Amino acid sequence: AGFPPTDMGFALWIHCTALLEAGDVDDAEHAAAEAEGLWRATGDRWGLAMLLHGRAMAELGRGRLDRAAALFREALTMVERDDEPYI
């Protein structure tokens, strides 16, 4: 639609969050995967960390503790490498 990739990633993340709230996990995972691809391609570590945290929370809710922990660690790594604190 002509939007910058980081803006599209953010819009997809919001869409993913709404889908999760509605219980539509499959479509939420598709939106999250698309957002992740955009943020990884652009190097947007803040966006990627936000998305990974959300995916980790979803995995935690499913009882997939090992997967949740891996996603939390990756999200933390994203913000630790940045000089600007987000928390």
Protein backbone atom coordinates (compact mmCIF):
# COMPACT_ATOMS: atom_id res chain seq x y z
CA ALA A 1 0.00 0.00 0.00
CA GLY A 2 3.05 2.26 -0.21
CA PHE A 3 3.72 2.43 3.54
CA PRO A 4 7.28 2.12 4.88
CA PRO A 5 8.09 -1.47 5.92
CA THR A 6 8.48 -0.51 9.58
CA ASP A 7 5.01 1.09 9.57
CA MET A 8 3.56 -2.01 7.92
CA GLY A 9 5.26 -4.16 10.54
CA PHE A 10 3.68 -2.11 13.30
CA ALA A 11 0.23 -2.31 11.65
CA LEU A 12 0.61 -6.08 11.31
CA TRP A 13 1.63 -6.34 14.97
CA ILE A 14 -1.51 -4.44 16.02
CA HIS A 15 -3.57 -6.70 13.74
CA CYS A 16 -1.89 -9.75 15.28
CA THR A 17 -2.72 -8.53 18.79
CA ALA A 18 -6.36 -7.98 17.86
CA LEU A 19 -6.57 -11.44 16.30
CA LEU A 20 -5.11 -13.03 19.43
CA GLU A 21 -7.64 -11.18 21.57
CA ALA A 22 -10.38 -12.56 19.31
CA GLY A 23 -8.98 -16.08 19.67
CA ASP A 24 -7.88 -16.37 16.03
CA VAL A 25 -4.44 -17.83 16.69
CA ASP A 26 -3.78 -19.11 13.17
CA ASP A 27 -4.34 -15.76 11.46
CA ALA A 28 -2.48 -14.00 14.28
CA GLU A 29 0.54 -16.22 13.67
CA HIS A 30 0.46 -15.37 9.95
CA ALA A 31 0.33 -11.63 10.70
CA ALA A 32 3.14 -12.00 13.24
CA ALA A 33 5.31 -13.91 10.75
CA GLU A 34 4.81 -11.21 8.12
CA ALA A 35 5.62 -8.44 10.62
CA GLU A 36 8.69 -10.34 11.80
CA GLY A 37 9.94 -10.65 8.23
CA LEU A 38 9.55 -6.92 7.63
CA TRP A 39 11.28 -5.96 10.86
CA ARG A 40 14.13 -8.41 10.36
CA ALA A 41 14.63 -7.15 6.79
CA THR A 42 14.77 -3.51 7.90
CA GLY A 43 16.84 -4.13 11.03
CA ASP A 44 14.18 -2.57 13.28
CA ARG A 45 15.28 -4.12 16.57
CA TRP A 46 12.65 -2.32 18.67
CA GLY A 47 9.81 -3.56 16.49
CA LEU A 48 11.27 -7.03 16.40
CA ALA A 49 11.71 -7.11 20.18
CA MET A 50 8.09 -6.01 20.66
CA LEU A 51 6.88 -8.73 18.30
CA LEU A 52 9.07 -11.44 19.85
CA HIS A 53 7.80 -10.50 23.31
CA GLY A 54 4.22 -10.86 22.09
CA ARG A 55 4.96 -14.21 20.49
CA ALA A 56 6.63 -15.33 23.72
CA MET A 57 3.53 -14.38 25.72
CA ALA A 58 1.38 -16.42 23.32
CA GLU A 59 3.69 -19.42 23.67
CA LEU A 60 3.64 -19.03 27.44
CA GLY A 61 -0.16 -19.09 27.33
CA ARG A 62 -0.03 -22.32 25.32
CA GLY A 63 2.25 -23.89 27.92
CA ARG A 64 5.22 -24.02 25.55
CA LEU A 65 7.73 -22.84 28.12
CA ASP A 66 10.93 -23.67 26.22
CA ARG A 67 9.75 -21.82 23.10
CA ALA A 68 8.53 -18.86 25.20
CA ALA A 69 11.89 -18.65 26.99
CA ALA A 70 13.79 -18.67 23.68
CA LEU A 71 11.62 -15.86 22.30
CA PHE A 72 11.96 -13.82 25.51
CA ARG A 73 15.75 -14.21 25.35
CA GLU A 74 15.84 -13.12 21.71
CA ALA A 75 13.63 -10.10 22.46
CA LEU A 76 15.88 -9.11 25.35
CA THR A 77 18.94 -9.44 23.12
CA MET A 78 17.36 -7.02 20.64
CA VAL A 79 16.99 -4.25 23.22
CA GLU A 80 20.26 -4.95 25.02
CA ARG A 81 22.21 -4.26 21.83
CA ASP A 82 20.65 -0.83 21.49
CA ASP A 83 22.02 2.24 23.27
CA GLU A 84 18.56 3.64 23.85
CA PRO A 85 16.62 1.92 26.65
CA TYR A 86 13.02 0.99 25.89
CA ILE A 87 12.07 -0.26 29.32
